[in-house]
Amino acid sequence: MGPLPLAVDGKSSTLVPTDDCHKKGQNLSLKTKKTFAAASIEAEKPFDFFRTLLEGTIAGGTAGVVVETALYPIDTIKTRLQAAHGGGKIVWKGLYSGLAGNLAGVLPASAIFVGVYEPTKQKLLRMLPENLTAVAHLTAGAIGGLVASLVRVPTEGYGSFLLRDLPFDAIQFCIYEQLRIGYKVAAKRDLNDPENALIGAFAGALTGAITTPLDVIKTRLMIQGSANQYKGIFDCVQTIVREEGPPALLKGIGPRVLWIGIGGSIFFGVLESTKRLLAQRLPVVQQDSKKD
């Protein structure tokens, strides 16, 4: 093949394949720009801070209560199976025993997290370049988690929260948002409830797998009690790797991925459907004030 200096004077060239290749390159660039534009589509919508906060708070609280209520009996059965010795029988009554106490923590924590996450995400999407949407989602998730820690930490402990829960929340929401963006671009339409639930399941499962080592470390530190087998997080990691091998950091990854995947499906499915319902039902106030 010869050189490709075609159409210098604006006339068409006989090297059509080269011209086509150039056009394809331009089209690819345009498609990339459209992808980033679609990724930040939320930033183009009118931003009402208090409305977004209210919708996020209600939707987050609702999703948290639904997923906790749905999975609580399964968690109770799992706990009783683990506690049963030998051929001991499993008690099938009272599967919802203790649910009210759990909901007392889950409801405000989920409501605060999503209530802070949504307006923070919208603000960051307007501040950051279009190709940094993942940074906006990750940062918003971390900020939402820190604010929600005001409710969660007194019951779970701050060390436990920083080690596992804060990274988990930020990563899960970031993965979920990025998957939704990609799906929207490919499908060229908004997602329906089953699709949101499916993406939520995948985001939850993937995040569960990524954070399994953190969960293992947290569990080891919690169950050591007064024995003080580990001096801290890094000593715990080194001891596990040295004595049990690196695969020990992934113990329980299968059940964890399955469990969190189911939870993610329910949570995000309910979250998006509730947000959509609220957007339709809640009155729009002071629209004229948005023009300035």
C-alpha atoms as a PDB file:
ATOM      1  CA  MET A   1       0.000   0.000   0.000  1.00  0.00           C
ATOM      2  CA  GLY A   2       1.209   3.469  -0.819  1.00  0.00           C
ATOM      3  CA  PRO A   3       1.036   6.657   1.241  1.00  0.00           C
ATOM      4  CA  LEU A   4      -2.341   8.054   2.195  1.00  0.00           C
ATOM      5  CA  PRO A   5      -2.258  11.835   1.521  1.00  0.00           C
ATOM      6  CA  LEU A   6      -5.694  11.955  -0.087  1.00  0.00           C
ATOM      7  CA  ALA A   7      -8.134  14.791  -0.765  1.00  0.00           C
ATOM      8  CA  VAL A   8      -5.582  17.535  -0.116  1.00  0.00           C
ATOM      9  CA  ASP A   9      -7.302  19.941  -2.459  1.00  0.00           C
ATOM     10  CA  GLY A  10     -10.784  18.996  -1.313  1.00  0.00           C
ATOM     11  CA  LYS A  11     -11.389  16.681  -4.280  1.00  0.00           C
ATOM     12  CA  SER A  12     -12.405  13.098  -3.785  1.00  0.00           C
ATOM     13  CA  SER A  13      -9.663  10.491  -3.924  1.00  0.00           C
ATOM     14  CA  THR A  14      -9.680   7.110  -5.563  1.00  0.00           C
ATOM     15  CA  LEU A  15      -8.379   5.609  -2.306  1.00  0.00           C
ATOM     16  CA  VAL A  16     -11.842   5.048  -0.939  1.00  0.00           C
ATOM     17  CA  PRO A  17     -10.840   2.479   1.703  1.00  0.00           C
ATOM     18  CA  THR A  18      -8.508   5.040   3.292  1.00  0.00           C
ATOM     19  CA  ASP A  19     -11.209   7.686   3.330  1.00  0.00           C
ATOM     20  CA  ASP A  20     -13.606   5.197   4.858  1.00  0.00           C
ATOM     21  CA  CYS A  21     -11.039   4.360   7.509  1.00  0.00           C
ATOM     22  CA  HIS A  22     -10.694   8.060   8.316  1.00  0.00           C
ATOM     23  CA  LYS A  23     -14.455   8.420   8.573  1.00  0.00           C
ATOM     24  CA  LYS A  24     -14.661   5.364  10.795  1.00  0.00           C
ATOM     25  CA  GLY A  25     -12.085   6.925  13.075  1.00  0.00           C
ATOM     26  CA  GLN A  26     -14.136  10.100  13.258  1.00  0.00           C
ATOM     27  CA  ASN A  27     -17.285   8.097  13.918  1.00  0.00           C
ATOM     28  CA  LEU A  28     -15.539   6.206  16.706  1.00  0.00           C
ATOM     29  CA  SER A  29     -14.480   9.494  18.256  1.00  0.00           C
ATOM     30  CA  LEU A  30     -18.020  10.809  18.013  1.00  0.00           C
ATOM     31  CA  LYS A  31     -19.391   7.627  19.564  1.00  0.00           C
ATOM     32  CA  THR A  32     -16.939   7.970  22.437  1.00  0.00           C
ATOM     33  CA  LYS A  33     -18.032  11.556  23.016  1.00  0.00           C
ATOM     34  CA  LYS A  34     -21.670  10.494  22.884  1.00  0.00           C
ATOM     35  CA  THR A  35     -20.950   7.808  25.441  1.00  0.00           C
ATOM     36  CA  PHE A  36     -19.490  10.322  27.876  1.00  0.00           C
ATOM     37  CA  ALA A  37     -22.362  12.700  27.149  1.00  0.00           C
ATOM     38  CA  ALA A  38     -24.857   9.961  27.901  1.00  0.00           C
ATOM     39  CA  ALA A  39     -22.934   9.063  31.030  1.00  0.00           C
ATOM     40  CA  SER A  40     -23.413  12.555  32.393  1.00  0.00           C
ATOM     41  CA  ILE A  41     -26.993  12.935  31.202  1.00  0.00           C
ATOM     42  CA  GLU A  42     -28.141  13.379  34.795  1.00  0.00           C
ATOM     43  CA  ALA A  43     -25.996  16.493  35.030  1.00  0.00           C
ATOM     44  CA  GLU A  44     -28.066  18.120  32.281  1.00  0.00           C
ATOM     45  CA  LYS A  45     -31.324  17.832  34.224  1.00  0.00           C
ATOM     46  CA  PRO A  46     -32.511  20.750  36.394  1.00  0.00           C
ATOM     47  CA  PHE A  47     -31.030  20.293  39.845  1.00  0.00           C
ATOM     48  CA  ASP A  48     -33.302  20.755  42.847  1.00  0.00           C
ATOM     49  CA  PHE A  49     -31.177  19.952  45.895  1.00  0.00           C
ATOM     50  CA  PHE A  50     -33.955  19.531  48.435  1.00  0.00           C
ATOM     51  CA  ARG A  51     -36.180  17.541  46.094  1.00  0.00           C
ATOM     52  CA  THR A  52     -33.293  15.223  45.207  1.00  0.00           C
ATOM     53  CA  LEU A  53     -32.430  14.839  48.884  1.00  0.00           C
ATOM     54  CA  LEU A  54     -36.054  14.071  49.780  1.00  0.00           C
ATOM     55  CA  GLU A  55     -36.499  11.533  46.986  1.00  0.00           C
ATOM     56  CA  GLY A  56     -33.208   9.857  47.861  1.00  0.00           C
ATOM     57  CA  THR A  57     -34.038   9.722  51.558  1.00  0.00           C
ATOM     58  CA  ILE A  58     -37.451   8.130  51.024  1.00  0.00           C
ATOM     59  CA  ALA A  59     -36.239   5.738  48.319  1.00  0.00           C
ATOM     60  CA  GLY A  60     -33.158   4.736  50.308  1.00  0.00           C
ATOM     61  CA  GLY A  61     -35.116   4.076  53.478  1.00  0.00           C
ATOM     62  CA  THR A  62     -37.714   2.070  51.572  1.00  0.00           C
ATOM     63  CA  ALA A  63     -35.121  -0.044  49.761  1.00  0.00           C
ATOM     64  CA  GLY A  64     -33.216  -0.705  52.980  1.00  0.00           C
ATOM     65  CA  VAL A  65     -36.321  -1.864  54.827  1.00  0.00           C
ATOM     66  CA  VAL A  66     -37.493  -4.095  51.962  1.00  0.00           C
ATOM     67  CA  VAL A  67     -34.160  -5.870  51.478  1.00  0.00           C
ATOM     68  CA  GLU A  68     -33.649  -6.353  55.222  1.00  0.00           C
ATOM     69  CA  THR A  69     -37.169  -7.746  55.638  1.00  0.00           C
ATOM     70  CA  ALA A  70     -36.832 -10.035  52.621  1.00  0.00           C
ATOM     71  CA  LEU A  71     -33.478 -11.525  53.611  1.00  0.00           C
ATOM     72  CA  TYR A  72     -33.896 -11.592  57.386  1.00  0.00           C
ATOM     73  CA  PRO A  73     -35.554 -15.055  57.587  1.00  0.00           C
ATOM     74  CA  ILE A  74     -32.798 -16.541  55.417  1.00  0.00           C
ATOM     75  CA  ASP A  75     -30.155 -14.958  57.611  1.00  0.00           C
ATOM     76  CA  THR A  76     -31.909 -16.320  60.711  1.00  0.00           C
ATOM     77  CA  ILE A  77     -31.954 -19.843  59.248  1.00  0.00           C
ATOM     78  CA  LYS A  78     -28.279 -19.551  58.312  1.00  0.00           C
ATOM     79  CA  THR A  79     -27.384 -18.472  61.846  1.00  0.00           C
ATOM     80  CA  ARG A  80     -29.356 -21.337  63.390  1.00  0.00           C
ATOM     81  CA  LEU A  81     -27.756 -23.860  61.047  1.00  0.00           C
ATOM     82  CA  GLN A  82     -24.314 -22.613  62.035  1.00  0.00           C
ATOM     83  CA  ALA A  83     -25.212 -22.779  65.718  1.00  0.00           C
ATOM     84  CA  ALA A  84     -26.680 -26.313  65.562  1.00  0.00           C
ATOM     85  CA  HIS A  85     -24.334 -29.063  66.809  1.00  0.00           C
ATOM     86  CA  GLY A  86     -24.311 -32.591  65.461  1.00  0.00           C
ATOM     87  CA  GLY A  87     -27.826 -33.725  64.663  1.00  0.00           C
ATOM     88  CA  GLY A  88     -29.487 -30.877  66.508  1.00  0.00           C
ATOM     89  CA  LYS A  89     -32.835 -29.793  65.123  1.00  0.00           C
ATOM     90  CA  ILE A  90     -33.407 -26.411  63.586  1.00  0.00           C
ATOM     91  CA  VAL A  91     -36.185 -24.293  65.080  1.00  0.00           C
ATOM     92  CA  TRP A  92     -38.294 -22.905  62.248  1.00  0.00           C
ATOM     93  CA  LYS A  93     -40.435 -20.617  64.376  1.00  0.00           C
ATOM     94  CA  GLY A  94     -39.686 -16.986  65.019  1.00  0.00           C
ATOM     95  CA  LEU A  95     -37.761 -16.389  61.790  1.00  0.00           C
ATOM     96  CA  TYR A  96     -38.482 -12.675  62.072  1.00  0.00           C
ATOM     97  CA  SER A  97     -37.500 -12.474  65.722  1.00  0.00           C
ATOM     98  CA  GLY A  98     -35.315  -9.413  66.241  1.00  0.00           C
ATOM     99  CA  LEU A  99     -36.229  -7.813  62.912  1.00  0.00           C
ATOM    100  CA  ALA A 100     -37.595  -4.642  64.522  1.00  0.00           C
ATOM    101  CA  GLY A 101     -34.279  -3.951  66.200  1.00  0.00           C
ATOM    102  CA  ASN A 102     -32.421  -4.382  62.921  1.00  0.00           C
ATOM    103  CA  LEU A 103     -34.828  -2.129  61.040  1.00  0.00           C
ATOM    104  CA  ALA A 104     -34.315   0.572  63.653  1.00  0.00           C
ATOM    105  CA  GLY A 105     -30.740   0.823  62.412  1.00  0.00           C
ATOM    106  CA  VAL A 106     -31.225  -0.067  58.742  1.00  0.00           C
ATOM    107  CA  LEU A 107     -33.999   2.447  58.021  1.00  0.00           C
ATOM    108  CA  PRO A 108     -32.204   5.651  59.061  1.00  0.00           C
ATOM    109  CA  ALA A 109     -28.826   4.450  57.764  1.00  0.00           C
ATOM    110  CA  SER A 110     -30.167   3.629  54.282  1.00  0.00           C
ATOM    111  CA  ALA A 111     -32.271   6.787  54.176  1.00  0.00           C
ATOM    112  CA  ILE A 112     -29.355   9.017  55.154  1.00  0.00           C
ATOM    113  CA  PHE A 113     -26.908   7.284  52.814  1.00  0.00           C
ATOM    114  CA  VAL A 114     -29.012   7.583  49.657  1.00  0.00           C
ATOM    115  CA  GLY A 115     -30.370  10.971  50.743  1.00  0.00           C
ATOM    116  CA  VAL A 116     -26.822  12.338  50.838  1.00  0.00           C
ATOM    117  CA  TYR A 117     -25.535  10.288  47.901  1.00  0.00           C
ATOM    118  CA  GLU A 118     -28.064  11.481  45.310  1.00  0.00           C
ATOM    119  CA  PRO A 119     -27.601  15.279  45.575  1.00  0.00           C
ATOM    120  CA  THR A 120     -23.846  14.870  46.087  1.00  0.00           C
ATOM    121  CA  LYS A 121     -23.649  12.755  42.947  1.00  0.00           C
ATOM    122  CA  GLN A 122     -25.629  15.326  40.952  1.00  0.00           C
ATOM    123  CA  LYS A 123     -23.381  18.141  42.161  1.00  0.00           C
ATOM    124  CA  LEU A 124     -20.164  16.249  41.372  1.00  0.00           C
ATOM    125  CA  LEU A 125     -21.393  15.284  37.901  1.00  0.00           C
ATOM    126  CA  ARG A 126     -21.751  19.001  37.167  1.00  0.00           C
ATOM    127  CA  MET A 127     -18.322  19.853  38.565  1.00  0.00           C
ATOM    128  CA  LEU A 128     -16.189  17.064  37.081  1.00  0.00           C
ATOM    129  CA  PRO A 129     -15.369  16.363  33.406  1.00  0.00           C
ATOM    130  CA  GLU A 130     -17.669  13.966  31.578  1.00  0.00           C
ATOM    131  CA  ASN A 131     -15.049  11.201  31.532  1.00  0.00           C
ATOM    132  CA  LEU A 132     -14.798  11.182  35.343  1.00  0.00           C
ATOM    133  CA  THR A 133     -18.312  10.017  36.185  1.00  0.00           C
ATOM    134  CA  ALA A 134     -16.874   7.026  38.042  1.00  0.00           C
ATOM    135  CA  VAL A 135     -14.962   9.395  40.320  1.00  0.00           C
ATOM    136  CA  ALA A 136     -18.181  11.303  40.994  1.00  0.00           C
ATOM    137  CA  HIS A 137     -20.053   8.115  41.894  1.00  0.00           C
ATOM    138  CA  LEU A 138     -17.234   6.743  44.049  1.00  0.00           C
ATOM    139  CA  THR A 139     -16.777  10.023  45.907  1.00  0.00           C
ATOM    140  CA  ALA A 140     -20.516  10.485  46.434  1.00  0.00           C
ATOM    141  CA  GLY A 141     -20.721   6.952  47.808  1.00  0.00           C
ATOM    142  CA  ALA A 142     -17.897   7.614  50.255  1.00  0.00           C
ATOM    143  CA  ILE A 143     -19.455  10.888  51.420  1.00  0.00           C
ATOM    144  CA  GLY A 144     -22.856   9.252  51.809  1.00  0.00           C
ATOM    145  CA  GLY A 145     -21.281   6.455  53.809  1.00  0.00           C
ATOM    146  CA  LEU A 146     -19.458   8.845  56.119  1.00  0.00           C
ATOM    147  CA  VAL A 147     -22.633  10.790  56.887  1.00  0.00           C
ATOM    148  CA  ALA A 148     -24.617   7.574  57.390  1.00  0.00           C
ATOM    149  CA  SER A 149     -21.925   6.440  59.825  1.00  0.00           C
ATOM    150  CA  LEU A 150     -23.498   8.785  62.373  1.00  0.00           C
ATOM    151  CA  VAL A 151     -26.230   6.160  62.662  1.00  0.00           C
ATOM    152  CA  ARG A 152     -24.348   2.976  61.790  1.00  0.00           C
ATOM    153  CA  VAL A 153     -21.170   3.373  63.801  1.00  0.00           C
ATOM    154  CA  PRO A 154     -22.700   3.368  67.308  1.00  0.00           C
ATOM    155  CA  THR A 155     -24.045  -0.122  66.609  1.00  0.00           C
ATOM    156  CA  GLU A 156     -21.235  -1.563  64.492  1.00  0.00           C
ATOM    157  CA  GLY A 157     -18.068   0.190  65.630  1.00  0.00           C
ATOM    158  CA  TYR A 158     -16.026   2.714  63.653  1.00  0.00           C
ATOM    159  CA  GLY A 159     -13.098   0.422  62.927  1.00  0.00           C
ATOM    160  CA  SER A 160     -15.388  -2.154  61.380  1.00  0.00           C
ATOM    161  CA  PHE A 161     -17.117   0.542  59.348  1.00  0.00           C
ATOM    162  CA  LEU A 162     -13.923   2.034  57.904  1.00  0.00           C
ATOM    163  CA  LEU A 163     -12.433  -1.368  57.143  1.00  0.00           C
ATOM    164  CA  ARG A 164     -15.290  -2.949  55.243  1.00  0.00           C
ATOM    165  CA  ASP A 165     -18.566  -1.054  55.047  1.00  0.00           C
ATOM    166  CA  LEU A 166     -17.395   2.330  53.753  1.00  0.00           C
ATOM    167  CA  PRO A 167     -15.355   0.864  50.853  1.00  0.00           C
ATOM    168  CA  PHE A 168     -18.161  -1.588  50.098  1.00  0.00           C
ATOM    169  CA  ASP A 169     -20.858   1.085  49.813  1.00  0.00           C
ATOM    170  CA  ALA A 170     -18.733   3.392  47.664  1.00  0.00           C
ATOM    171  CA  ILE A 171     -17.571   0.618  45.328  1.00  0.00           C
ATOM    172  CA  GLN A 172     -21.011  -0.971  44.981  1.00  0.00           C
ATOM    173  CA  PHE A 173     -22.754   2.257  44.026  1.00  0.00           C
ATOM    174  CA  CYS A 174     -19.939   3.200  41.644  1.00  0.00           C
ATOM    175  CA  ILE A 175     -20.106  -0.164  39.860  1.00  0.00           C
ATOM    176  CA  TYR A 176     -23.900  -0.030  39.743  1.00  0.00           C
ATOM    177  CA  GLU A 177     -23.981   3.473  38.256  1.00  0.00           C
ATOM    178  CA  GLN A 178     -21.312   2.672  35.666  1.00  0.00           C
ATOM    179  CA  LEU A 179     -23.109  -0.502  34.596  1.00  0.00           C
ATOM    180  CA  ARG A 180     -26.360   1.434  34.226  1.00  0.00           C
ATOM    181  CA  ILE A 181     -24.612   4.058  32.120  1.00  0.00           C
ATOM    182  CA  GLY A 182     -23.155   1.424  29.807  1.00  0.00           C
ATOM    183  CA  TYR A 183     -26.465  -0.379  29.503  1.00  0.00           C
ATOM    184  CA  LYS A 184     -28.328   2.849  28.747  1.00  0.00           C
ATOM    185  CA  VAL A 185     -25.862   3.752  26.018  1.00  0.00           C
ATOM    186  CA  ALA A 186     -26.143   0.296  24.457  1.00  0.00           C
ATOM    187  CA  ALA A 187     -29.931   0.052  24.740  1.00  0.00           C
ATOM    188  CA  LYS A 188     -30.518   3.740  23.870  1.00  0.00           C
ATOM    189  CA  ARG A 189     -33.354   3.944  26.385  1.00  0.00           C
ATOM    190  CA  ASP A 190     -34.081   4.066  30.107  1.00  0.00           C
ATOM    191  CA  LEU A 191     -33.874   0.842  32.076  1.00  0.00           C
ATOM    192  CA  ASN A 192     -36.927  -0.983  33.390  1.00  0.00           C
ATOM    193  CA  ASP A 193     -37.280  -2.469  36.873  1.00  0.00           C
ATOM    194  CA  PRO A 194     -36.072  -6.014  36.032  1.00  0.00           C
ATOM    195  CA  GLU A 195     -33.000  -4.570  34.302  1.00  0.00           C
ATOM    196  CA  ASN A 196     -32.189  -2.356  37.285  1.00  0.00           C
ATOM    197  CA  ALA A 197     -32.562  -5.361  39.572  1.00  0.00           C
ATOM    198  CA  LEU A 198     -30.303  -7.474  37.353  1.00  0.00           C
ATOM    199  CA  ILE A 199     -27.610  -4.808  37.244  1.00  0.00           C
ATOM    200  CA  GLY A 200     -27.973  -4.366  40.998  1.00  0.00           C
ATOM    201  CA  ALA A 201     -27.424  -8.084  41.484  1.00  0.00           C
ATOM    202  CA  PHE A 202     -24.274  -8.034  39.362  1.00  0.00           C
ATOM    203  CA  ALA A 203     -22.949  -4.911  41.105  1.00  0.00           C
ATOM    204  CA  GLY A 204     -23.602  -6.442  44.507  1.00  0.00           C
ATOM    205  CA  ALA A 205     -22.013  -9.761  43.588  1.00  0.00           C
ATOM    206  CA  LEU A 206     -18.930  -8.127  42.076  1.00  0.00           C
ATOM    207  CA  THR A 207     -18.500  -5.794  45.039  1.00  0.00           C
ATOM    208  CA  GLY A 208     -18.956  -8.716  47.405  1.00  0.00           C
ATOM    209  CA  ALA A 209     -16.143 -10.565  45.646  1.00  0.00           C
ATOM    210  CA  ILE A 210     -13.833  -7.542  45.636  1.00  0.00           C
ATOM    211  CA  THR A 211     -14.351  -6.838  49.335  1.00  0.00           C
ATOM    212  CA  THR A 212     -14.178 -10.452  50.552  1.00  0.00           C
ATOM    213  CA  PRO A 213     -10.614 -10.011  51.891  1.00  0.00           C
ATOM    214  CA  LEU A 214     -11.800  -7.012  53.923  1.00  0.00           C
ATOM    215  CA  ASP A 215     -14.654  -9.094  55.304  1.00  0.00           C
ATOM    216  CA  VAL A 216     -12.276 -11.914  56.259  1.00  0.00           C
ATOM    217  CA  ILE A 217      -9.937  -9.497  58.026  1.00  0.00           C
ATOM    218  CA  LYS A 218     -12.807  -7.817  59.854  1.00  0.00           C
ATOM    219  CA  THR A 219     -14.182 -11.171  61.000  1.00  0.00           C
ATOM    220  CA  ARG A 220     -10.783 -12.369  62.235  1.00  0.00           C
ATOM    221  CA  LEU A 221     -10.231  -9.181  64.208  1.00  0.00           C
ATOM    222  CA  MET A 222     -13.694  -9.409  65.756  1.00  0.00           C
ATOM    223  CA  ILE A 223     -13.576 -13.051  66.836  1.00  0.00           C
ATOM    224  CA  GLN A 224     -10.099 -12.927  68.336  1.00  0.00           C
ATOM    225  CA  GLY A 225     -11.572 -11.392  71.480  1.00  0.00           C
ATOM    226  CA  SER A 226      -9.075 -10.812  74.260  1.00  0.00           C
ATOM    227  CA  ALA A 227      -6.583 -13.266  72.764  1.00  0.00           C
ATOM    228  CA  ASN A 228      -5.017 -10.454  70.718  1.00  0.00           C
ATOM    229  CA  GLN A 229      -3.750 -12.858  68.091  1.00  0.00           C
ATOM    230  CA  TYR A 230      -3.395  -9.963  65.672  1.00  0.00           C
ATOM    231  CA  LYS A 231      -1.815  -6.604  66.478  1.00  0.00           C
ATOM    232  CA  GLY A 232      -3.755  -4.806  63.775  1.00  0.00           C
ATOM    233  CA  ILE A 233      -5.015  -4.948  60.210  1.00  0.00           C
ATOM    234  CA  PHE A 234      -1.641  -5.345  58.514  1.00  0.00           C
ATOM    235  CA  ASP A 235      -0.466  -7.915  61.036  1.00  0.00           C
ATOM    236  CA  CYS A 236      -3.704  -9.811  60.472  1.00  0.00           C
ATOM    237  CA  VAL A 237      -3.137  -9.885  56.702  1.00  0.00           C
ATOM    238  CA  GLN A 238       0.489 -10.964  57.066  1.00  0.00           C
ATOM    239  CA  THR A 239      -0.377 -13.698  59.560  1.00  0.00           C
ATOM    240  CA  ILE A 240      -3.176 -15.108  57.412  1.00  0.00           C
ATOM    241  CA  VAL A 241      -1.029 -15.131  54.272  1.00  0.00           C
ATOM    242  CA  ARG A 242       1.960 -16.612  56.088  1.00  0.00           C
ATOM    243  CA  GLU A 243       0.119 -19.341  57.981  1.00  0.00           C
ATOM    244  CA  GLU A 244      -2.770 -20.166  55.638  1.00  0.00           C
ATOM    245  CA  GLY A 245      -1.738 -18.843  52.253  1.00  0.00           C
ATOM    246  CA  PRO A 246      -3.209 -16.010  50.135  1.00  0.00           C
ATOM    247  CA  PRO A 247      -6.367 -18.007  49.200  1.00  0.00           C
ATOM    248  CA  ALA A 248      -7.434 -17.795  52.858  1.00  0.00           C
ATOM    249  CA  LEU A 249      -8.272 -14.135  52.266  1.00  0.00           C
ATOM    250  CA  LEU A 250     -11.047 -15.302  49.931  1.00  0.00           C
ATOM    251  CA  LYS A 251     -12.695 -17.740  52.328  1.00  0.00           C
ATOM    252  CA  GLY A 252     -16.470 -17.669  52.033  1.00  0.00           C
ATOM    253  CA  ILE A 253     -16.432 -15.778  48.748  1.00  0.00           C
ATOM    254  CA  GLY A 254     -19.069 -18.048  47.173  1.00  0.00           C
ATOM    255  CA  PRO A 255     -21.837 -17.606  49.756  1.00  0.00           C
ATOM    256  CA  ARG A 256     -20.928 -13.937  50.156  1.00  0.00           C
ATOM    257  CA  VAL A 257     -21.238 -13.239  46.432  1.00  0.00           C
ATOM    258  CA  LEU A 258     -24.566 -15.081  46.240  1.00  0.00           C
ATOM    259  CA  TRP A 259     -25.965 -13.393  49.339  1.00  0.00           C
ATOM    260  CA  ILE A 260     -24.937  -9.859  48.414  1.00  0.00           C
ATOM    261  CA  GLY A 261     -25.988 -10.394  44.800  1.00  0.00           C
ATOM    262  CA  ILE A 262     -29.524 -11.212  45.922  1.00  0.00           C
ATOM    263  CA  GLY A 263     -29.514  -8.245  48.271  1.00  0.00           C
ATOM    264  CA  GLY A 264     -28.262  -5.933  45.524  1.00  0.00           C
ATOM    265  CA  SER A 265     -30.998  -7.084  43.187  1.00  0.00           C
ATOM    266  CA  ILE A 266     -33.718  -6.318  45.718  1.00  0.00           C
ATOM    267  CA  PHE A 267     -32.189  -3.073  46.992  1.00  0.00           C
ATOM    268  CA  PHE A 268     -31.505  -1.397  43.659  1.00  0.00           C
ATOM    269  CA  GLY A 269     -34.692  -2.705  42.085  1.00  0.00           C
ATOM    270  CA  VAL A 270     -36.774  -1.159  44.864  1.00  0.00           C
ATOM    271  CA  LEU A 271     -34.597   1.965  44.960  1.00  0.00           C
ATOM    272  CA  GLU A 272     -35.074   2.825  41.291  1.00  0.00           C
ATOM    273  CA  SER A 273     -38.786   2.015  41.201  1.00  0.00           C
ATOM    274  CA  THR A 274     -39.365   4.149  44.307  1.00  0.00           C
ATOM    275  CA  LYS A 275     -37.343   7.038  42.881  1.00  0.00           C
ATOM    276  CA  ARG A 276     -39.352   6.899  39.670  1.00  0.00           C
ATOM    277  CA  LEU A 277     -42.640   6.803  41.570  1.00  0.00           C
ATOM    278  CA  LEU A 278     -41.624   9.760  43.725  1.00  0.00           C
ATOM    279  CA  ALA A 279     -40.519  11.736  40.671  1.00  0.00           C
ATOM    280  CA  GLN A 280     -44.004  11.272  39.242  1.00  0.00           C
ATOM    281  CA  ARG A 281     -45.943  11.926  42.438  1.00  0.00           C
ATOM    282  CA  LEU A 282     -44.043  14.619  44.316  1.00  0.00           C
ATOM    283  CA  PRO A 283     -45.095  18.134  43.285  1.00  0.00           C
ATOM    284  CA  VAL A 284     -42.542  20.303  41.530  1.00  0.00           C
ATOM    285  CA  VAL A 285     -42.090  23.540  43.449  1.00  0.00           C
ATOM    286  CA  GLN A 286     -40.540  26.857  42.425  1.00  0.00           C
ATOM    287  CA  GLN A 287     -39.707  25.862  38.861  1.00  0.00           C
ATOM    288  CA  ASP A 288     -39.195  29.522  37.926  1.00  0.00           C
ATOM    289  CA  SER A 289     -36.353  29.814  40.448  1.00  0.00           C
ATOM    290  CA  LYS A 290     -34.332  27.268  38.503  1.00  0.00           C
ATOM    291  CA  LYS A 291     -34.054  29.523  35.466  1.00  0.00           C
ATOM    292  CA  ASP A 292     -31.551  31.777  37.172  1.00  0.00           C
END
